[in-house]
Amino acid sequence: MIRFRLKELIAEKEFQEGRRITLEEISKATGIHRTTLSKVSNQKGYNTTTEVLDKLCEYFQVSLGQLAEHIKVKSQGDA
């Protein structure tokens, strides 16, 4: 499963800039709808587009690997 690190990136940017950053602010800066940002941030396994990923990488000035990570999901047969 792919896990997006949007919450962590927001927290890092807030710390660096010493201010609160909202999804609304990110939405205005990137053109990504706030609802989409909320789903990327909160919904497990959310499926999004490469365009959204590209815009988020640009906004946070990170690589795709810093925005998303692959998490191995244990199957029912795994112990």
PDB file of N, CA and C in Angstrom:
ATOM      1  N   MET A   1       0.850  -1.173   0.000  1.00  0.00           N
ATOM      2  CA  MET A   1       0.000   0.000   0.000  1.00  0.00           C
ATOM      3  C   MET A   1       0.899   1.241   0.000  1.00  0.00           C
ATOM      4  N   ILE A   2       0.472   2.261  -0.668  1.00  0.00           N
ATOM      5  CA  ILE A   2       1.185   3.531  -0.693  1.00  0.00           C
ATOM      6  C   ILE A   2       0.621   4.424   0.408  1.00  0.00           C
ATOM      7  N   ARG A   3       1.522   4.985   1.206  1.00  0.00           N
ATOM      8  CA  ARG A   3       1.115   5.905   2.269  1.00  0.00           C
ATOM      9  C   ARG A   3       1.699   7.274   1.945  1.00  0.00           C
ATOM     10  N   PHE A   4       0.836   8.272   1.957  1.00  0.00           N
ATOM     11  CA  PHE A   4       1.278   9.636   1.698  1.00  0.00           C
ATOM     12  C   PHE A   4       1.693  10.296   3.008  1.00  0.00           C
ATOM     13  N   ARG A   5       2.776  11.033   2.975  1.00  0.00           N
ATOM     14  CA  ARG A   5       3.339  11.682   4.154  1.00  0.00           C
ATOM     15  C   ARG A   5       2.950  13.167   4.213  1.00  0.00           C
ATOM     16  N   LEU A   6       1.751  13.483   3.742  1.00  0.00           N
ATOM     17  CA  LEU A   6       1.329  14.882   3.659  1.00  0.00           C
ATOM     18  C   LEU A   6       1.290  15.543   5.037  1.00  0.00           C
ATOM     19  N   LYS A   7       0.743  14.860   6.028  1.00  0.00           N
ATOM     20  CA  LYS A   7       0.670  15.446   7.373  1.00  0.00           C
ATOM     21  C   LYS A   7       2.065  15.761   7.914  1.00  0.00           C
ATOM     22  N   GLU A   8       3.003  14.847   7.702  1.00  0.00           N
ATOM     23  CA  GLU A   8       4.368  15.061   8.177  1.00  0.00           C
ATOM     24  C   GLU A   8       5.023  16.240   7.463  1.00  0.00           C
ATOM     25  N   LEU A   9       4.792  16.339   6.155  1.00  0.00           N
ATOM     26  CA  LEU A   9       5.377  17.437   5.386  1.00  0.00           C
ATOM     27  C   LEU A   9       4.793  18.785   5.808  1.00  0.00           C
ATOM     28  N   ILE A  10       3.501  18.800   6.092  1.00  0.00           N
ATOM     29  CA  ILE A  10       2.875  20.032   6.579  1.00  0.00           C
ATOM     30  C   ILE A  10       3.492  20.420   7.920  1.00  0.00           C
ATOM     31  N   ALA A  11       3.633  19.451   8.828  1.00  0.00           N
ATOM     32  CA  ALA A  11       4.214  19.726  10.150  1.00  0.00           C
ATOM     33  C   ALA A  11       5.645  20.253  10.029  1.00  0.00           C
ATOM     34  N   GLU A  12       6.430  19.670   9.133  1.00  0.00           N
ATOM     35  CA  GLU A  12       7.811  20.128   8.926  1.00  0.00           C
ATOM     36  C   GLU A  12       7.841  21.561   8.400  1.00  0.00           C
ATOM     37  N   LYS A  13       6.972  21.852   7.436  1.00  0.00           N
ATOM     38  CA  LYS A  13       6.923  23.198   6.854  1.00  0.00           C
ATOM     39  C   LYS A  13       6.450  24.213   7.898  1.00  0.00           C
ATOM     40  N   GLU A  14       5.480  23.830   8.723  1.00  0.00           N
ATOM     41  CA  GLU A  14       5.007  24.714   9.791  1.00  0.00           C
ATOM     42  C   GLU A  14       6.147  25.039  10.754  1.00  0.00           C
ATOM     43  N   PHE A  15       6.926  24.031  11.119  1.00  0.00           N
ATOM     44  CA  PHE A  15       8.049  24.221  12.034  1.00  0.00           C
ATOM     45  C   PHE A  15       9.106  25.136  11.413  1.00  0.00           C
ATOM     46  N   GLN A  16       9.442  24.880  10.158  1.00  0.00           N
ATOM     47  CA  GLN A  16      10.462  25.681   9.467  1.00  0.00           C
ATOM     48  C   GLN A  16      10.046  27.143   9.331  1.00  0.00           C
ATOM     49  N   GLU A  17       8.759  27.360   9.036  1.00  0.00           N
ATOM     50  CA  GLU A  17       8.282  28.721   8.792  1.00  0.00           C
ATOM     51  C   GLU A  17       7.717  29.384  10.043  1.00  0.00           C
ATOM     52  N   GLY A  18       7.543  28.611  11.117  1.00  0.00           N
ATOM     53  CA  GLY A  18       7.044  29.163  12.372  1.00  0.00           C
ATOM     54  C   GLY A  18       5.620  29.670  12.302  1.00  0.00           C
ATOM     55  N   ARG A  19       4.806  28.985  11.515  1.00  0.00           N
ATOM     56  CA  ARG A  19       3.400  29.384  11.374  1.00  0.00           C
ATOM     57  C   ARG A  19       2.559  28.184  10.987  1.00  0.00           C
ATOM     58  N   ARG A  20       1.246  28.335  11.132  1.00  0.00           N
ATOM     59  CA  ARG A  20       0.313  27.272  10.778  1.00  0.00           C
ATOM     60  C   ARG A  20       0.063  27.294   9.272  1.00  0.00           C
ATOM     61  N   ILE A  21       0.007  26.098   8.684  1.00  0.00           N
ATOM     62  CA  ILE A  21      -0.277  25.965   7.255  1.00  0.00           C
ATOM     63  C   ILE A  21      -1.534  25.116   7.106  1.00  0.00           C
ATOM     64  N   THR A  22      -2.519  25.652   6.424  1.00  0.00           N
ATOM     65  CA  THR A  22      -3.794  24.956   6.268  1.00  0.00           C
ATOM     66  C   THR A  22      -3.885  24.274   4.905  1.00  0.00           C
ATOM     67  N   LEU A  23      -4.803  23.325   4.817  1.00  0.00           N
ATOM     68  CA  LEU A  23      -5.063  22.685   3.526  1.00  0.00           C
ATOM     69  C   LEU A  23      -5.588  23.715   2.531  1.00  0.00           C
ATOM     70  N   GLU A  24      -6.322  24.700   3.024  1.00  0.00           N
ATOM     71  CA  GLU A  24      -6.844  25.763   2.160  1.00  0.00           C
ATOM     72  C   GLU A  24      -5.690  26.550   1.523  1.00  0.00           C
ATOM     73  N   GLU A  25      -4.662  26.838   2.312  1.00  0.00           N
ATOM     74  CA  GLU A  25      -3.490  27.552   1.793  1.00  0.00           C
ATOM     75  C   GLU A  25      -2.771  26.718   0.732  1.00  0.00           C
ATOM     76  N   ILE A  26      -2.601  25.432   1.004  1.00  0.00           N
ATOM     77  CA  ILE A  26      -1.950  24.536   0.043  1.00  0.00           C
ATOM     78  C   ILE A  26      -2.791  24.439  -1.225  1.00  0.00           C
ATOM     79  N   SER A  27      -4.107  24.379  -1.051  1.00  0.00           N
ATOM     80  CA  SER A  27      -5.028  24.314  -2.183  1.00  0.00           C
ATOM     81  C   SER A  27      -4.870  25.530  -3.092  1.00  0.00           C
ATOM     82  N   LYS A  28      -4.825  26.707  -2.495  1.00  0.00           N
ATOM     83  CA  LYS A  28      -4.679  27.935  -3.284  1.00  0.00           C
ATOM     84  C   LYS A  28      -3.328  27.986  -3.999  1.00  0.00           C
ATOM     85  N   ALA A  29      -2.285  27.508  -3.340  1.00  0.00           N
ATOM     86  CA  ALA A  29      -0.940  27.564  -3.919  1.00  0.00           C
ATOM     87  C   ALA A  29      -0.725  26.535  -5.024  1.00  0.00           C
ATOM     88  N   THR A  30      -1.430  25.403  -4.942  1.00  0.00           N
ATOM     89  CA  THR A  30      -1.194  24.307  -5.888  1.00  0.00           C
ATOM     90  C   THR A  30      -2.298  24.119  -6.921  1.00  0.00           C
ATOM     91  N   GLY A  31      -3.490  24.618  -6.619  1.00  0.00           N
ATOM     92  CA  GLY A  31      -4.629  24.369  -7.498  1.00  0.00           C
ATOM     93  C   GLY A  31      -5.291  23.021  -7.244  1.00  0.00           C
ATOM     94  N   ILE A  32      -4.851  22.325  -6.200  1.00  0.00           N
ATOM     95  CA  ILE A  32      -5.448  21.034  -5.829  1.00  0.00           C
ATOM     96  C   ILE A  32      -6.629  21.320  -4.907  1.00  0.00           C
ATOM     97  N   HIS A  33      -7.782  20.732  -5.204  1.00  0.00           N
ATOM     98  CA  HIS A  33      -8.974  20.962  -4.391  1.00  0.00           C
ATOM     99  C   HIS A  33      -8.716  20.540  -2.947  1.00  0.00           C
ATOM    100  N   ARG A  34      -9.249  21.318  -2.009  1.00  0.00           N
ATOM    101  CA  ARG A  34      -9.053  21.039  -0.588  1.00  0.00           C
ATOM    102  C   ARG A  34      -9.540  19.650  -0.199  1.00  0.00           C
ATOM    103  N   THR A  35     -10.635  19.198  -0.794  1.00  0.00           N
ATOM    104  CA  THR A  35     -11.162  17.863  -0.505  1.00  0.00           C
ATOM    105  C   THR A  35     -10.160  16.789  -0.919  1.00  0.00           C
ATOM    106  N   THR A  36      -9.533  16.969  -2.061  1.00  0.00           N
ATOM    107  CA  THR A  36      -8.509  16.023  -2.518  1.00  0.00           C
ATOM    108  C   THR A  36      -7.345  15.998  -1.540  1.00  0.00           C
ATOM    109  N   LEU A  37      -6.907  17.168  -1.092  1.00  0.00           N
ATOM    110  CA  LEU A  37      -5.813  17.234  -0.117  1.00  0.00           C
ATOM    111  C   LEU A  37      -6.185  16.511   1.172  1.00  0.00           C
ATOM    112  N   SER A  38      -7.418  16.682   1.607  1.00  0.00           N
ATOM    113  CA  SER A  38      -7.887  16.013   2.819  1.00  0.00           C
ATOM    114  C   SER A  38      -7.875  14.504   2.647  1.00  0.00           C
ATOM    115  N   LYS A  39      -8.301  14.032   1.493  1.00  0.00           N
ATOM    116  CA  LYS A  39      -8.307  12.590   1.231  1.00  0.00           C
ATOM    117  C   LYS A  39      -6.887  12.036   1.158  1.00  0.00           C
ATOM    118  N   VAL A  40      -5.984  12.747   0.501  1.00  0.00           N
ATOM    119  CA  VAL A  40      -4.587  12.311   0.425  1.00  0.00           C
ATOM    120  C   VAL A  40      -4.001  12.243   1.833  1.00  0.00           C
ATOM    121  N   SER A  41      -4.357  13.205   2.646  1.00  0.00           N
ATOM    122  CA  SER A  41      -3.821  13.302   3.999  1.00  0.00           C
ATOM    123  C   SER A  41      -4.396  12.259   4.954  1.00  0.00           C
ATOM    124  N   ASN A  42      -5.671  11.936   4.809  1.00  0.00           N
ATOM    125  CA  ASN A  42      -6.361  11.128   5.823  1.00  0.00           C
ATOM    126  C   ASN A  42      -6.835   9.746   5.400  1.00  0.00           C
ATOM    127  N   GLN A  43      -7.062   9.535   4.124  1.00  0.00           N
ATOM    128  CA  GLN A  43      -7.682   8.287   3.673  1.00  0.00           C
ATOM    129  C   GLN A  43      -6.627   7.242   3.327  1.00  0.00           C
ATOM    130  N   LYS A  44      -6.671   6.117   4.018  1.00  0.00           N
ATOM    131  CA  LYS A  44      -5.727   5.025   3.769  1.00  0.00           C
ATOM    132  C   LYS A  44      -5.877   4.515   2.341  1.00  0.00           C
ATOM    133  N   GLY A  45      -4.763   4.402   1.633  1.00  0.00           N
ATOM    134  CA  GLY A  45      -4.794   3.843   0.287  1.00  0.00           C
ATOM    135  C   GLY A  45      -5.483   4.706  -0.743  1.00  0.00           C
ATOM    136  N   TYR A  46      -5.579   6.020  -0.509  1.00  0.00           N
ATOM    137  CA  TYR A  46      -6.244   6.907  -1.467  1.00  0.00           C
ATOM    138  C   TYR A  46      -5.520   6.871  -2.811  1.00  0.00           C
ATOM    139  N   ASN A  47      -6.280   6.805  -3.883  1.00  0.00           N
ATOM    140  CA  ASN A  47      -5.749   6.750  -5.239  1.00  0.00           C
ATOM    141  C   ASN A  47      -5.831   8.148  -5.848  1.00  0.00           C
ATOM    142  N   THR A  48      -4.690   8.712  -6.204  1.00  0.00           N
ATOM    143  CA  THR A  48      -4.673  10.060  -6.770  1.00  0.00           C
ATOM    144  C   THR A  48      -3.907  10.063  -8.095  1.00  0.00           C
ATOM    145  N   THR A  49      -3.791  11.219  -8.703  1.00  0.00           N
ATOM    146  CA  THR A  49      -3.145  11.318 -10.014  1.00  0.00           C
ATOM    147  C   THR A  49      -1.682  11.749  -9.886  1.00  0.00           C
ATOM    148  N   THR A  50      -0.931  11.498 -10.935  1.00  0.00           N
ATOM    149  CA  THR A  50       0.464  11.941 -10.955  1.00  0.00           C
ATOM    150  C   THR A  50       0.537  13.470 -10.974  1.00  0.00           C
ATOM    151  N   GLU A  51      -0.464  14.120 -11.525  1.00  0.00           N
ATOM    152  CA  GLU A  51      -0.498  15.584 -11.536  1.00  0.00           C
ATOM    153  C   GLU A  51      -0.561  16.131 -10.107  1.00  0.00           C
ATOM    154  N   VAL A  52      -1.393  15.526  -9.266  1.00  0.00           N
ATOM    155  CA  VAL A  52      -1.500  15.944  -7.863  1.00  0.00           C
ATOM    156  C   VAL A  52      -0.171  15.706  -7.152  1.00  0.00           C
ATOM    157  N   LEU A  53       0.416  14.539  -7.378  1.00  0.00           N
ATOM    158  CA  LEU A  53       1.697  14.221  -6.746  1.00  0.00           C
ATOM    159  C   LEU A  53       2.774  15.216  -7.173  1.00  0.00           C
ATOM    160  N   ASP A  54       2.810  15.544  -8.453  1.00  0.00           N
ATOM    161  CA  ASP A  54       3.788  16.494  -8.973  1.00  0.00           C
ATOM    162  C   ASP A  54       3.625  17.864  -8.320  1.00  0.00           C
ATOM    163  N   LYS A  55       2.396  18.335  -8.209  1.00  0.00           N
ATOM    164  CA  LYS A  55       2.137  19.645  -7.602  1.00  0.00           C
ATOM    165  C   LYS A  55       2.540  19.662  -6.132  1.00  0.00           C
ATOM    166  N   LEU A  56       2.282  18.569  -5.416  1.00  0.00           N
ATOM    167  CA  LEU A  56       2.666  18.501  -4.002  1.00  0.00           C
ATOM    168  C   LEU A  56       4.186  18.457  -3.845  1.00  0.00           C
ATOM    169  N   CYS A  57       4.854  17.714  -4.718  1.00  0.00           N
ATOM    170  CA  CYS A  57       6.323  17.682  -4.687  1.00  0.00           C
ATOM    171  C   CYS A  57       6.888  19.074  -4.930  1.00  0.00           C
ATOM    172  N   GLU A  58       6.321  19.797  -5.881  1.00  0.00           N
ATOM    173  CA  GLU A  58       6.768  21.163  -6.171  1.00  0.00           C
ATOM    174  C   GLU A  58       6.523  22.079  -4.970  1.00  0.00           C
ATOM    175  N   TYR A  59       5.343  22.000  -4.387  1.00  0.00           N
ATOM    176  CA  TYR A  59       4.987  22.878  -3.265  1.00  0.00           C
ATOM    177  C   TYR A  59       5.922  22.668  -2.076  1.00  0.00           C
ATOM    178  N   PHE A  60       6.165  21.408  -1.731  1.00  0.00           N
ATOM    179  CA  PHE A  60       6.994  21.105  -0.566  1.00  0.00           C
ATOM    180  C   PHE A  60       8.486  21.014  -0.911  1.00  0.00           C
ATOM    181  N   GLN A  61       8.815  21.098  -2.214  1.00  0.00           N
ATOM    182  CA  GLN A  61      10.204  20.995  -2.667  1.00  0.00           C
ATOM    183  C   GLN A  61      10.844  19.689  -2.194  1.00  0.00           C
ATOM    184  N   VAL A  62      10.134  18.578  -2.473  1.00  0.00           N
ATOM    185  CA  VAL A  62      10.605  17.246  -2.086  1.00  0.00           C
ATOM    186  C   VAL A  62      10.512  16.306  -3.280  1.00  0.00           C
ATOM    187  N   SER A  63      11.165  15.164  -3.156  1.00  0.00           N
ATOM    188  CA  SER A  63      11.061  14.127  -4.182  1.00  0.00           C
ATOM    189  C   SER A  63       9.807  13.297  -3.915  1.00  0.00           C
ATOM    190  N   LEU A  64       9.421  12.519  -4.899  1.00  0.00           N
ATOM    191  CA  LEU A  64       8.256  11.650  -4.742  1.00  0.00           C
ATOM    192  C   LEU A  64       8.450  10.682  -3.570  1.00  0.00           C
ATOM    193  N   GLY A  65       9.677  10.195  -3.395  1.00  0.00           N
ATOM    194  CA  GLY A  65       9.975   9.284  -2.297  1.00  0.00           C
ATOM    195  C   GLY A  65       9.823   9.915  -0.926  1.00  0.00           C
ATOM    196  N   GLN A  66       9.913  11.237  -0.865  1.00  0.00           N
ATOM    197  CA  GLN A  66       9.709  11.934   0.401  1.00  0.00           C
ATOM    198  C   GLN A  66       8.232  12.226   0.647  1.00  0.00           C
ATOM    199  N   LEU A  67       7.444  12.213  -0.406  1.00  0.00           N
ATOM    200  CA  LEU A  67       6.007  12.471  -0.308  1.00  0.00           C
ATOM    201  C   LEU A  67       5.222  11.195  -0.038  1.00  0.00           C
ATOM    202  N   ALA A  68       5.674  10.087  -0.606  1.00  0.00           N
ATOM    203  CA  ALA A  68       4.942   8.824  -0.492  1.00  0.00           C
ATOM    204  C   ALA A  68       5.908   7.697  -0.184  1.00  0.00           C
ATOM    205  N   GLU A  69       5.402   6.691   0.496  1.00  0.00           N
ATOM    206  CA  GLU A  69       6.225   5.520   0.785  1.00  0.00           C
ATOM    207  C   GLU A  69       5.385   4.260   0.644  1.00  0.00           C
ATOM    208  N   HIS A  70       6.056   3.179   0.291  1.00  0.00           N
ATOM    209  CA  HIS A  70       5.380   1.894   0.157  1.00  0.00           C
ATOM    210  C   HIS A  70       5.423   1.175   1.496  1.00  0.00           C
ATOM    211  N   ILE A  71       4.255   0.759   1.966  1.00  0.00           N
ATOM    212  CA  ILE A  71       4.135   0.006   3.209  1.00  0.00           C
ATOM    213  C   ILE A  71       3.693  -1.402   2.852  1.00  0.00           C
ATOM    214  N   LYS A  72       4.454  -2.386   3.294  1.00  0.00           N
ATOM    215  CA  LYS A  72       4.072  -3.770   3.028  1.00  0.00           C
ATOM    216  C   LYS A  72       2.878  -4.120   3.911  1.00  0.00           C
ATOM    217  N   VAL A  73       1.834  -4.621   3.279  1.00  0.00           N
ATOM    218  CA  VAL A  73       0.631  -5.019   3.998  1.00  0.00           C
ATOM    219  C   VAL A  73       0.671  -6.523   4.178  1.00  0.00           C
ATOM    220  N   LYS A  74       0.526  -6.949   5.409  1.00  0.00           N
ATOM    221  CA  LYS A  74       0.528  -8.387   5.679  1.00  0.00           C
ATOM    222  C   LYS A  74      -0.746  -9.011   5.132  1.00  0.00           C
ATOM    223  N   SER A  75      -0.585 -10.103   4.401  1.00  0.00           N
ATOM    224  CA  SER A  75      -1.762 -10.823   3.920  1.00  0.00           C
ATOM    225  C   SER A  75      -2.258 -11.719   5.046  1.00  0.00           C
ATOM    226  N   GLN A  76      -3.436 -12.267   4.902  1.00  0.00           N
ATOM    227  CA  GLN A  76      -4.017 -13.110   5.951  1.00  0.00           C
ATOM    228  C   GLN A  76      -3.159 -14.333   6.225  1.00  0.00           C
ATOM    229  N   GLY A  77      -2.409 -14.798   5.242  1.00  0.00           N
ATOM    230  CA  GLY A  77      -1.567 -15.977   5.401  1.00  0.00           C
ATOM    231  C   GLY A  77      -0.255 -15.689   6.116  1.00  0.00           C
ATOM    232  N   ASP A  78       0.150 -14.395   6.177  1.00  0.00           N
ATOM    233  CA  ASP A  78       1.394 -14.031   6.860  1.00  0.00           C
ATOM    234  C   ASP A  78       1.217 -14.108   8.366  1.00  0.00           C
ATOM    235  N   ALA A  79       2.282 -14.529   9.045  1.00  0.00           N
ATOM    236  CA  ALA A  79       2.209 -14.600  10.505  1.00  0.00           C
ATOM    237  C   ALA A  79       2.782 -13.362  11.134  1.00  0.00           C
TER     238      ALA A  79
END
